[in-house]
Structure formats: C-alpha cells, structure tokens
Amino acid sequence: MAREFTPQIVTANDLLLGDAVYLTKAGTWSRLHSDAHLANSAEQAQTMLKHVKGQQDVIVGAYLANVSVNEDGIPEPAHFREAFRTRGPSNYFHGKQADAQSS
C-alpha cells in the first residue's frame, strides 16, 4: 500500500549569513518559516528542490523538510530540528535570538 504524502517545504541556509531560509511561492527566500511554499505532492516537492539547485550563489544545503499544516494553512515544523532552526543560528547570541530577547 502506498504511503500518504506528508506536506513538505524547501529549506536551506543563506550562503552569506548562515540563517535558515525557506522557499516562498514567488520563488524567493524568506527567513520566516510561515512564508514557506507548501508542496502537496512528491512531484511538486522534487520540482521545487530541482529549481533551487541552481542557486549556489544564494543558498547552501537545500533539502525538503516535512511539515504539518495548521488550521490557517500555514506550515509548521514537524520535527524538533526544524523548529530549532526557526530560532536562528545557535553559535552565538544574535539575529532572531537577540530580537526575541529585546521584545
């Protein structure tokens, strides 16, 4: 029996800053997980991943990540690793981590 497809997004790291980035519907990159474009089939996911493979001047390490979809249709991390990546680089206190502290 075929396994049901789990929705996926394309994620990578920004080449210059190292932040986790997510492929948007417009084909651009966002640092917000909620902006990620949802792939609802394996074929669509592979097409999206193939599209970004030629962007080595912008991103590094692109891969597909499983997500769950909330009631508003927004993708949410399905694994703790992906949830951790949404908080920004962990090598020192800066970026999203510093912004959260000042709020």
PDB file of N, CA and C in Angstrom:
ATOM      1  N   MET A   1       0.835  -1.170   0.000  1.00  0.00           N
ATOM      2  CA  MET A   1       0.000   0.000   0.000  1.00  0.00           C
ATOM      3  C   MET A   1       0.887   1.243   0.000  1.00  0.00           C
ATOM      4  N   ALA A   2       0.520   2.220  -0.827  1.00  0.00           N
ATOM      5  CA  ALA A   2       1.289   3.463  -0.918  1.00  0.00           C
ATOM      6  C   ALA A   2       1.105   4.294   0.350  1.00  0.00           C
ATOM      7  N   ARG A   3       2.198   4.879   0.776  1.00  0.00           N
ATOM      8  CA  ARG A   3       2.170   5.724   1.958  1.00  0.00           C
ATOM      9  C   ARG A   3       1.643   7.112   1.588  1.00  0.00           C
ATOM     10  N   GLU A   4       0.836   7.694   2.467  1.00  0.00           N
ATOM     11  CA  GLU A   4       0.289   9.018   2.239  1.00  0.00           C
ATOM     12  C   GLU A   4       1.412  10.057   2.259  1.00  0.00           C
ATOM     13  N   PHE A   5       1.359  11.006   1.342  1.00  0.00           N
ATOM     14  CA  PHE A   5       2.386  12.049   1.252  1.00  0.00           C
ATOM     15  C   PHE A   5       2.255  13.029   2.414  1.00  0.00           C
ATOM     16  N   THR A   6       3.378  13.355   3.018  1.00  0.00           N
ATOM     17  CA  THR A   6       3.437  14.369   4.063  1.00  0.00           C
ATOM     18  C   THR A   6       3.840  15.681   3.408  1.00  0.00           C
ATOM     19  N   PRO A   7       3.100  16.772   3.622  1.00  0.00           N
ATOM     20  CA  PRO A   7       3.472  18.052   3.013  1.00  0.00           C
ATOM     21  C   PRO A   7       4.921  18.414   3.347  1.00  0.00           C
ATOM     22  N   GLN A   8       5.590  19.058   2.391  1.00  0.00           N
ATOM     23  CA  GLN A   8       6.984  19.418   2.565  1.00  0.00           C
ATOM     24  C   GLN A   8       7.232  20.845   2.097  1.00  0.00           C
ATOM     25  N   ILE A   9       8.345  21.406   2.580  1.00  0.00           N
ATOM     26  CA  ILE A   9       8.833  22.701   2.135  1.00  0.00           C
ATOM     27  C   ILE A   9      10.296  22.538   1.760  1.00  0.00           C
ATOM     28  N   VAL A  10      10.832  23.518   1.030  1.00  0.00           N
ATOM     29  CA  VAL A  10      12.259  23.539   0.729  1.00  0.00           C
ATOM     30  C   VAL A  10      12.909  24.523   1.689  1.00  0.00           C
ATOM     31  N   THR A  11      13.941  24.065   2.360  1.00  0.00           N
ATOM     32  CA  THR A  11      14.704  24.914   3.266  1.00  0.00           C
ATOM     33  C   THR A  11      16.182  24.801   2.923  1.00  0.00           C
ATOM     34  N   ALA A  12      16.927  25.812   3.306  1.00  0.00           N
ATOM     35  CA  ALA A  12      18.369  25.857   3.051  1.00  0.00           C
ATOM     36  C   ALA A  12      18.975  26.839   4.050  1.00  0.00           C
ATOM     37  N   ASN A  13      20.240  27.158   3.852  1.00  0.00           N
ATOM     38  CA  ASN A  13      20.883  28.195   4.643  1.00  0.00           C
ATOM     39  C   ASN A  13      21.341  29.296   3.704  1.00  0.00           C
ATOM     40  N   ASP A  14      21.165  30.538   4.136  1.00  0.00           N
ATOM     41  CA  ASP A  14      21.649  31.678   3.384  1.00  0.00           C
ATOM     42  C   ASP A  14      23.162  31.560   3.267  1.00  0.00           C
ATOM     43  N   LEU A  15      23.678  31.699   2.075  1.00  0.00           N
ATOM     44  CA  LEU A  15      25.102  31.493   1.828  1.00  0.00           C
ATOM     45  C   LEU A  15      25.977  32.454   2.621  1.00  0.00           C
ATOM     46  N   LEU A  16      25.600  33.704   2.709  1.00  0.00           N
ATOM     47  CA  LEU A  16      26.447  34.695   3.366  1.00  0.00           C
ATOM     48  C   LEU A  16      26.219  34.811   4.873  1.00  0.00           C
ATOM     49  N   LEU A  17      24.958  34.719   5.314  1.00  0.00           N
ATOM     50  CA  LEU A  17      24.652  34.932   6.726  1.00  0.00           C
ATOM     51  C   LEU A  17      24.482  33.648   7.526  1.00  0.00           C
ATOM     52  N   GLY A  18      24.178  32.561   6.856  1.00  0.00           N
ATOM     53  CA  GLY A  18      24.018  31.282   7.532  1.00  0.00           C
ATOM     54  C   GLY A  18      22.638  31.025   8.090  1.00  0.00           C
ATOM     55  N   ASP A  19      21.756  32.010   8.066  1.00  0.00           N
ATOM     56  CA  ASP A  19      20.398  31.828   8.586  1.00  0.00           C
ATOM     57  C   ASP A  19      19.643  30.767   7.794  1.00  0.00           C
ATOM     58  N   ALA A  20      18.734  30.086   8.469  1.00  0.00           N
ATOM     59  CA  ALA A  20      17.818  29.184   7.782  1.00  0.00           C
ATOM     60  C   ALA A  20      16.882  30.037   6.932  1.00  0.00           C
ATOM     61  N   VAL A  21      16.666  29.596   5.700  1.00  0.00           N
ATOM     62  CA  VAL A  21      15.754  30.291   4.794  1.00  0.00           C
ATOM     63  C   VAL A  21      14.802  29.278   4.181  1.00  0.00           C
ATOM     64  N   TYR A  22      13.665  29.786   3.706  1.00  0.00           N
ATOM     65  CA  TYR A  22      12.592  28.935   3.206  1.00  0.00           C
ATOM     66  C   TYR A  22      12.122  29.459   1.860  1.00  0.00           C
ATOM     67  N   LEU A  23      11.937  28.548   0.911  1.00  0.00           N
ATOM     68  CA  LEU A  23      11.492  28.910  -0.426  1.00  0.00           C
ATOM     69  C   LEU A  23      10.036  29.356  -0.378  1.00  0.00           C
ATOM     70  N   THR A  24       9.757  30.531  -0.943  1.00  0.00           N
ATOM     71  CA  THR A  24       8.396  31.063  -0.971  1.00  0.00           C
ATOM     72  C   THR A  24       7.708  30.700  -2.283  1.00  0.00           C
ATOM     73  N   LYS A  25       6.422  30.958  -2.342  1.00  0.00           N
ATOM     74  CA  LYS A  25       5.654  30.684  -3.556  1.00  0.00           C
ATOM     75  C   LYS A  25       6.178  31.503  -4.730  1.00  0.00           C
ATOM     76  N   ALA A  26       6.725  32.691  -4.451  1.00  0.00           N
ATOM     77  CA  ALA A  26       7.260  33.565  -5.500  1.00  0.00           C
ATOM     78  C   ALA A  26       8.629  33.104  -5.994  1.00  0.00           C
ATOM     79  N   GLY A  27       9.188  32.070  -5.358  1.00  0.00           N
ATOM     80  CA  GLY A  27      10.497  31.570  -5.760  1.00  0.00           C
ATOM     81  C   GLY A  27      11.652  32.310  -5.116  1.00  0.00           C
ATOM     82  N   THR A  28      11.354  33.128  -4.118  1.00  0.00           N
ATOM     83  CA  THR A  28      12.379  33.855  -3.379  1.00  0.00           C
ATOM     84  C   THR A  28      12.607  33.157  -2.044  1.00  0.00           C
ATOM     85  N   TRP A  29      13.519  33.689  -1.241  1.00  0.00           N
ATOM     86  CA  TRP A  29      13.835  33.089   0.051  1.00  0.00           C
ATOM     87  C   TRP A  29      13.391  34.000   1.185  1.00  0.00           C
ATOM     88  N   SER A  30      12.821  33.408   2.210  1.00  0.00           N
ATOM     89  CA  SER A  30      12.379  34.150   3.390  1.00  0.00           C
ATOM     90  C   SER A  30      12.986  33.517   4.630  1.00  0.00           C
ATOM     91  N   ARG A  31      13.236  34.324   5.643  1.00  0.00           N
ATOM     92  CA  ARG A  31      13.730  33.820   6.917  1.00  0.00           C
ATOM     93  C   ARG A  31      12.582  33.382   7.832  1.00  0.00           C
ATOM     94  N   LEU A  32      11.345  33.548   7.363  1.00  0.00           N
ATOM     95  CA  LEU A  32      10.171  33.163   8.150  1.00  0.00           C
ATOM     96  C   LEU A  32       9.623  31.822   7.662  1.00  0.00           C
ATOM     97  N   HIS A  33       9.566  30.868   8.555  1.00  0.00           N
ATOM     98  CA  HIS A  33       9.054  29.536   8.220  1.00  0.00           C
ATOM     99  C   HIS A  33       7.630  29.626   7.680  1.00  0.00           C
ATOM    100  N   SER A  34       6.848  30.529   8.233  1.00  0.00           N
ATOM    101  CA  SER A  34       5.448  30.669   7.817  1.00  0.00           C
ATOM    102  C   SER A  34       5.295  31.144   6.375  1.00  0.00           C
ATOM    103  N   ASP A  35       6.346  31.703   5.772  1.00  0.00           N
ATOM    104  CA  ASP A  35       6.302  32.150   4.375  1.00  0.00           C
ATOM    105  C   ASP A  35       6.581  31.022   3.385  1.00  0.00           C
ATOM    106  N   ALA A  36       6.965  29.859   3.883  1.00  0.00           N
ATOM    107  CA  ALA A  36       7.370  28.760   3.003  1.00  0.00           C
ATOM    108  C   ALA A  36       6.217  28.280   2.130  1.00  0.00           C
ATOM    109  N   HIS A  37       6.567  27.967   0.885  1.00  0.00           N
ATOM    110  CA  HIS A  37       5.596  27.418  -0.067  1.00  0.00           C
ATOM    111  C   HIS A  37       5.446  25.924   0.179  1.00  0.00           C
ATOM    112  N   LEU A  38       4.231  25.481   0.279  1.00  0.00           N
ATOM    113  CA  LEU A  38       3.914  24.101   0.596  1.00  0.00           C
ATOM    114  C   LEU A  38       3.880  23.230  -0.652  1.00  0.00           C
ATOM    115  N   ALA A  39       4.590  22.118  -0.614  1.00  0.00           N
ATOM    116  CA  ALA A  39       4.500  21.106  -1.670  1.00  0.00           C
ATOM    117  C   ALA A  39       3.498  20.062  -1.197  1.00  0.00           C
ATOM    118  N   ASN A  40       2.467  19.836  -1.993  1.00  0.00           N
ATOM    119  CA  ASN A  40       1.414  18.898  -1.607  1.00  0.00           C
ATOM    120  C   ASN A  40       1.488  17.560  -2.330  1.00  0.00           C
ATOM    121  N   SER A  41       2.572  17.358  -3.083  1.00  0.00           N
ATOM    122  CA  SER A  41       2.791  16.062  -3.733  1.00  0.00           C
ATOM    123  C   SER A  41       4.291  15.840  -3.844  1.00  0.00           C
ATOM    124  N   ALA A  42       4.682  14.601  -3.987  1.00  0.00           N
ATOM    125  CA  ALA A  42       6.101  14.277  -4.130  1.00  0.00           C
ATOM    126  C   ALA A  42       6.670  14.901  -5.397  1.00  0.00           C
ATOM    127  N   GLU A  43       5.888  14.928  -6.456  1.00  0.00           N
ATOM    128  CA  GLU A  43       6.342  15.512  -7.710  1.00  0.00           C
ATOM    129  C   GLU A  43       6.589  17.013  -7.559  1.00  0.00           C
ATOM    130  N   GLN A  44       5.668  17.702  -6.905  1.00  0.00           N
ATOM    131  CA  GLN A  44       5.817  19.137  -6.685  1.00  0.00           C
ATOM    132  C   GLN A  44       7.034  19.414  -5.807  1.00  0.00           C
ATOM    133  N   ALA A  45       7.243  18.623  -4.782  1.00  0.00           N
ATOM    134  CA  ALA A  45       8.394  18.796  -3.892  1.00  0.00           C
ATOM    135  C   ALA A  45       9.702  18.634  -4.658  1.00  0.00           C
ATOM    136  N   GLN A  46       9.783  17.621  -5.500  1.00  0.00           N
ATOM    137  CA  GLN A  46      11.002  17.394  -6.276  1.00  0.00           C
ATOM    138  C   GLN A  46      11.246  18.510  -7.292  1.00  0.00           C
ATOM    139  N   THR A  47      10.179  19.021  -7.891  1.00  0.00           N
ATOM    140  CA  THR A  47      10.301  20.137  -8.831  1.00  0.00           C
ATOM    141  C   THR A  47      10.830  21.375  -8.113  1.00  0.00           C
ATOM    142  N   MET A  48      10.312  21.669  -6.931  1.00  0.00           N
ATOM    143  CA  MET A  48      10.768  22.818  -6.155  1.00  0.00           C
ATOM    144  C   MET A  48      12.237  22.661  -5.780  1.00  0.00           C
ATOM    145  N   LEU A  49      12.619  21.475  -5.347  1.00  0.00           N
ATOM    146  CA  LEU A  49      14.005  21.233  -4.959  1.00  0.00           C
ATOM    147  C   LEU A  49      14.938  21.358  -6.161  1.00  0.00           C
ATOM    148  N   LYS A  50      14.518  20.831  -7.295  1.00  0.00           N
ATOM    149  CA  LYS A  50      15.327  20.924  -8.514  1.00  0.00           C
ATOM    150  C   LYS A  50      15.517  22.387  -8.918  1.00  0.00           C
ATOM    151  N   HIS A  51      14.483  23.193  -8.744  1.00  0.00           N
ATOM    152  CA  HIS A  51      14.538  24.620  -9.087  1.00  0.00           C
ATOM    153  C   HIS A  51      15.630  25.351  -8.301  1.00  0.00           C
ATOM    154  N   VAL A  52      15.823  25.020  -7.049  1.00  0.00           N
ATOM    155  CA  VAL A  52      16.779  25.760  -6.212  1.00  0.00           C
ATOM    156  C   VAL A  52      18.202  25.234  -6.314  1.00  0.00           C
ATOM    157  N   LYS A  53      18.404  24.082  -6.907  1.00  0.00           N
ATOM    158  CA  LYS A  53      19.749  23.514  -7.015  1.00  0.00           C
ATOM    159  C   LYS A  53      20.692  24.418  -7.802  1.00  0.00           C
ATOM    160  N   GLY A  54      20.164  25.290  -8.642  1.00  0.00           N
ATOM    161  CA  GLY A  54      20.989  26.205  -9.414  1.00  0.00           C
ATOM    162  C   GLY A  54      21.265  27.528  -8.715  1.00  0.00           C
ATOM    163  N   GLN A  55      20.963  27.615  -7.426  1.00  0.00           N
ATOM    164  CA  GLN A  55      21.119  28.879  -6.705  1.00  0.00           C
ATOM    165  C   GLN A  55      22.270  28.833  -5.702  1.00  0.00           C
ATOM    166  N   GLN A  56      23.382  28.219  -6.072  1.00  0.00           N
ATOM    167  CA  GLN A  56      24.521  28.103  -5.160  1.00  0.00           C
ATOM    168  C   GLN A  56      25.140  29.448  -4.814  1.00  0.00           C
ATOM    169  N   ASP A  57      24.796  30.500  -5.525  1.00  0.00           N
ATOM    170  CA  ASP A  57      25.309  31.831  -5.209  1.00  0.00           C
ATOM    171  C   ASP A  57      24.475  32.535  -4.140  1.00  0.00           C
ATOM    172  N   VAL A  58      23.362  31.893  -3.725  1.00  0.00           N
ATOM    173  CA  VAL A  58      22.456  32.492  -2.746  1.00  0.00           C
ATOM    174  C   VAL A  58      22.299  31.611  -1.501  1.00  0.00           C
ATOM    175  N   ILE A  59      22.172  30.308  -1.729  1.00  0.00           N
ATOM    176  CA  ILE A  59      21.891  29.377  -0.625  1.00  0.00           C
ATOM    177  C   ILE A  59      22.846  28.190  -0.661  1.00  0.00           C
ATOM    178  N   VAL A  60      22.856  27.456   0.428  1.00  0.00           N
ATOM    179  CA  VAL A  60      23.649  26.231   0.506  1.00  0.00           C
ATOM    180  C   VAL A  60      22.834  25.184   1.275  1.00  0.00           C
ATOM    181  N   GLY A  61      22.987  23.932   0.872  1.00  0.00           N
ATOM    182  CA  GLY A  61      22.379  22.820   1.609  1.00  0.00           C
ATOM    183  C   GLY A  61      20.876  22.719   1.516  1.00  0.00           C
ATOM    184  N   ALA A  62      20.300  22.982   0.370  1.00  0.00           N
ATOM    185  CA  ALA A  62      18.841  22.901   0.226  1.00  0.00           C
ATOM    186  C   ALA A  62      18.360  21.462   0.393  1.00  0.00           C
ATOM    187  N   TYR A  63      17.241  21.315   1.091  1.00  0.00           N
ATOM    188  CA  TYR A  63      16.624  19.999   1.254  1.00  0.00           C
ATOM    189  C   TYR A  63      15.135  20.149   1.541  1.00  0.00           C
ATOM    190  N   LEU A  64      14.416  19.051   1.427  1.00  0.00           N
ATOM    191  CA  LEU A  64      12.989  19.016   1.723  1.00  0.00           C
ATOM    192  C   LEU A  64      12.794  18.694   3.198  1.00  0.00           C
ATOM    193  N   ALA A  65      11.876  19.416   3.829  1.00  0.00           N
ATOM    194  CA  ALA A  65      11.559  19.175   5.232  1.00  0.00           C
ATOM    195  C   ALA A  65      10.065  18.920   5.366  1.00  0.00           C
ATOM    196  N   ASN A  66       9.715  17.879   6.099  1.00  0.00           N
ATOM    197  CA  ASN A  66       8.316  17.593   6.370  1.00  0.00           C
ATOM    198  C   ASN A  66       7.734  18.673   7.275  1.00  0.00           C
ATOM    199  N   VAL A  67       6.470  19.005   7.028  1.00  0.00           N
ATOM    200  CA  VAL A  67       5.776  19.985   7.857  1.00  0.00           C
ATOM    201  C   VAL A  67       4.374  19.483   8.172  1.00  0.00           C
ATOM    202  N   SER A  68       3.813  20.060   9.206  1.00  0.00           N
ATOM    203  CA  SER A  68       2.385  19.887   9.454  1.00  0.00           C
ATOM    204  C   SER A  68       1.742  21.209   9.036  1.00  0.00           C
ATOM    205  N   VAL A  69       0.474  21.188   8.759  1.00  0.00           N
ATOM    206  CA  VAL A  69      -0.218  22.392   8.307  1.00  0.00           C
ATOM    207  C   VAL A  69      -1.279  22.732   9.341  1.00  0.00           C
ATOM    208  N   ASN A  70      -1.216  23.968   9.854  1.00  0.00           N
ATOM    209  CA  ASN A  70      -2.197  24.348  10.877  1.00  0.00           C
ATOM    210  C   ASN A  70      -3.538  24.679  10.230  1.00  0.00           C
ATOM    211  N   GLU A  71      -4.519  25.032  11.033  1.00  0.00           N
ATOM    212  CA  GLU A  71      -5.878  25.274  10.527  1.00  0.00           C
ATOM    213  C   GLU A  71      -5.959  26.477   9.594  1.00  0.00           C
ATOM    214  N   ASP A  72      -4.952  27.355   9.640  1.00  0.00           N
ATOM    215  CA  ASP A  72      -4.906  28.507   8.736  1.00  0.00           C
ATOM    216  C   ASP A  72      -4.149  28.206   7.444  1.00  0.00           C
ATOM    217  N   GLY A  73      -3.693  26.956   7.282  1.00  0.00           N
ATOM    218  CA  GLY A  73      -2.961  26.564   6.086  1.00  0.00           C
ATOM    219  C   GLY A  73      -1.495  26.953   6.105  1.00  0.00           C
ATOM    220  N   ILE A  74      -0.979  27.309   7.280  1.00  0.00           N
ATOM    221  CA  ILE A  74       0.418  27.733   7.415  1.00  0.00           C
ATOM    222  C   ILE A  74       1.264  26.537   7.838  1.00  0.00           C
ATOM    223  N   PRO A  75       2.405  26.334   7.143  1.00  0.00           N
ATOM    224  CA  PRO A  75       3.265  25.202   7.506  1.00  0.00           C
ATOM    225  C   PRO A  75       3.949  25.431   8.857  1.00  0.00           C
ATOM    226  N   GLU A  76       4.017  24.370   9.637  1.00  0.00           N
ATOM    227  CA  GLU A  76       4.709  24.394  10.921  1.00  0.00           C
ATOM    228  C   GLU A  76       5.697  23.240  10.943  1.00  0.00           C
ATOM    229  N   PRO A  77       6.854  23.432  11.594  1.00  0.00           N
ATOM    230  CA  PRO A  77       7.855  22.358  11.638  1.00  0.00           C
ATOM    231  C   PRO A  77       7.257  21.070  12.197  1.00  0.00           C
ATOM    232  N   ALA A  78       7.600  19.958  11.561  1.00  0.00           N
ATOM    233  CA  ALA A  78       7.113  18.658  12.017  1.00  0.00           C
ATOM    234  C   ALA A  78       8.158  17.923  12.857  1.00  0.00           C
ATOM    235  N   HIS A  79       9.352  18.472  12.927  1.00  0.00           N
ATOM    236  CA  HIS A  79      10.442  17.820  13.653  1.00  0.00           C
ATOM    237  C   HIS A  79      11.146  18.861  14.510  1.00  0.00           C
ATOM    238  N   PHE A  80      11.655  18.454  15.678  1.00  0.00           N
ATOM    239  CA  PHE A  80      12.288  19.421  16.576  1.00  0.00           C
ATOM    240  C   PHE A  80      13.489  20.111  15.936  1.00  0.00           C
ATOM    241  N   ARG A  81      14.196  19.424  15.044  1.00  0.00           N
ATOM    242  CA  ARG A  81      15.353  20.042  14.381  1.00  0.00           C
ATOM    243  C   ARG A  81      14.918  21.255  13.570  1.00  0.00           C
ATOM    244  N   GLU A  82      13.819  21.109  12.857  1.00  0.00           N
ATOM    245  CA  GLU A  82      13.328  22.220  12.048  1.00  0.00           C
ATOM    246  C   GLU A  82      12.788  23.337  12.929  1.00  0.00           C
ATOM    247  N   ALA A  83      12.146  23.001  14.022  1.00  0.00           N
ATOM    248  CA  ALA A  83      11.676  24.033  14.961  1.00  0.00           C
ATOM    249  C   ALA A  83      12.866  24.800  15.523  1.00  0.00           C
ATOM    250  N   PHE A  84      13.944  24.104  15.847  1.00  0.00           N
ATOM    251  CA  PHE A  84      15.154  24.729  16.365  1.00  0.00           C
ATOM    252  C   PHE A  84      15.758  25.679  15.332  1.00  0.00           C
ATOM    253  N   ARG A  85      15.774  25.270  14.063  1.00  0.00           N
ATOM    254  CA  ARG A  85      16.343  26.099  13.001  1.00  0.00           C
ATOM    255  C   ARG A  85      15.576  27.410  12.823  1.00  0.00           C
ATOM    256  N   THR A  86      14.283  27.433  13.159  1.00  0.00           N
ATOM    257  CA  THR A  86      13.500  28.665  13.011  1.00  0.00           C
ATOM    258  C   THR A  86      13.960  29.746  13.976  1.00  0.00           C
ATOM    259  N   ARG A  87      14.693  29.374  15.014  1.00  0.00           N
ATOM    260  CA  ARG A  87      15.153  30.352  16.017  1.00  0.00           C
ATOM    261  C   ARG A  87      16.471  31.013  15.634  1.00  0.00           C
ATOM    262  N   GLY A  88      17.059  30.631  14.526  1.00  0.00           N
ATOM    263  CA  GLY A  88      18.279  31.273  14.059  1.00  0.00           C
ATOM    264  C   GLY A  88      19.525  30.515  14.455  1.00  0.00           C
ATOM    265  N   PRO A  89      20.682  30.965  13.963  1.00  0.00           N
ATOM    266  CA  PRO A  89      21.950  30.289  14.269  1.00  0.00           C
ATOM    267  C   PRO A  89      22.180  30.203  15.776  1.00  0.00           C
ATOM    268  N   SER A  90      22.735  29.101  16.217  1.00  0.00           N
ATOM    269  CA  SER A  90      22.912  28.887  17.656  1.00  0.00           C
ATOM    270  C   SER A  90      24.357  29.062  18.109  1.00  0.00           C
ATOM    271  N   ASN A  91      25.233  29.498  17.214  1.00  0.00           N
ATOM    272  CA  ASN A  91      26.645  29.588  17.589  1.00  0.00           C
ATOM    273  C   ASN A  91      26.961  30.798  18.461  1.00  0.00           C
ATOM    274  N   TYR A  92      26.132  31.817  18.438  1.00  0.00           N
ATOM    275  CA  TYR A  92      26.283  32.949  19.344  1.00  0.00           C
ATOM    276  C   TYR A  92      24.993  33.756  19.361  1.00  0.00           C
ATOM    277  N   PHE A  93      24.856  34.610  20.364  1.00  0.00           N
ATOM    278  CA  PHE A  93      23.637  35.351  20.602  1.00  0.00           C
ATOM    279  C   PHE A  93      23.527  36.521  19.626  1.00  0.00           C
ATOM    280  N   HIS A  94      22.678  36.370  18.600  1.00  0.00           N
ATOM    281  CA  HIS A  94      22.462  37.414  17.621  1.00  0.00           C
ATOM    282  C   HIS A  94      21.215  37.103  16.813  1.00  0.00           C
ATOM    283  N   GLY A  95      20.913  37.943  15.880  1.00  0.00           N
ATOM    284  CA  GLY A  95      19.802  37.691  14.962  1.00  0.00           C
ATOM    285  C   GLY A  95      18.476  37.512  15.655  1.00  0.00           C
ATOM    286  N   LYS A  96      17.751  36.489  15.269  1.00  0.00           N
ATOM    287  CA  LYS A  96      16.422  36.231  15.804  1.00  0.00           C
ATOM    288  C   LYS A  96      16.458  36.021  17.310  1.00  0.00           C
ATOM    289  N   GLN A  97      17.520  35.435  17.815  1.00  0.00           N
ATOM    290  CA  GLN A  97      17.617  35.189  19.254  1.00  0.00           C
ATOM    291  C   GLN A  97      17.712  36.506  20.013  1.00  0.00           C
ATOM    292  N   ALA A  98      18.512  37.435  19.539  1.00  0.00           N
ATOM    293  CA  ALA A  98      18.658  38.730  20.193  1.00  0.00           C
ATOM    294  C   ALA A  98      17.357  39.526  20.076  1.00  0.00           C
ATOM    295  N   ASP A  99      16.693  39.437  18.909  1.00  0.00           N
ATOM    296  CA  ASP A  99      15.433  40.142  18.717  1.00  0.00           C
ATOM    297  C   ASP A  99      14.378  39.657  19.693  1.00  0.00           C
ATOM    298  N   ALA A 100      14.321  38.359  19.938  1.00  0.00           N
ATOM    299  CA  ALA A 100      13.333  37.783  20.861  1.00  0.00           C
ATOM    300  C   ALA A 100      13.595  38.261  22.292  1.00  0.00           C
ATOM    301  N   GLN A 101      14.849  38.433  22.633  1.00  0.00           N
ATOM    302  CA  GLN A 101      15.218  38.855  23.984  1.00  0.00           C
ATOM    303  C   GLN A 101      14.827  40.316  24.231  1.00  0.00           C
ATOM    304  N   SER A 102      14.925  41.152  23.208  1.00  0.00           N
ATOM    305  CA  SER A 102      14.647  42.575  23.379  1.00  0.00           C
ATOM    306  C   SER A 102      13.156  42.870  23.329  1.00  0.00           C
ATOM    307  N   SER A 103      12.328  41.903  22.942  1.00  0.00           N
ATOM    308  CA  SER A 103      10.882  42.114  22.839  1.00  0.00           C
ATOM    309  C   SER A 103      10.219  42.080  24.186  1.00  0.00           C
TER     310      SER A 103
END
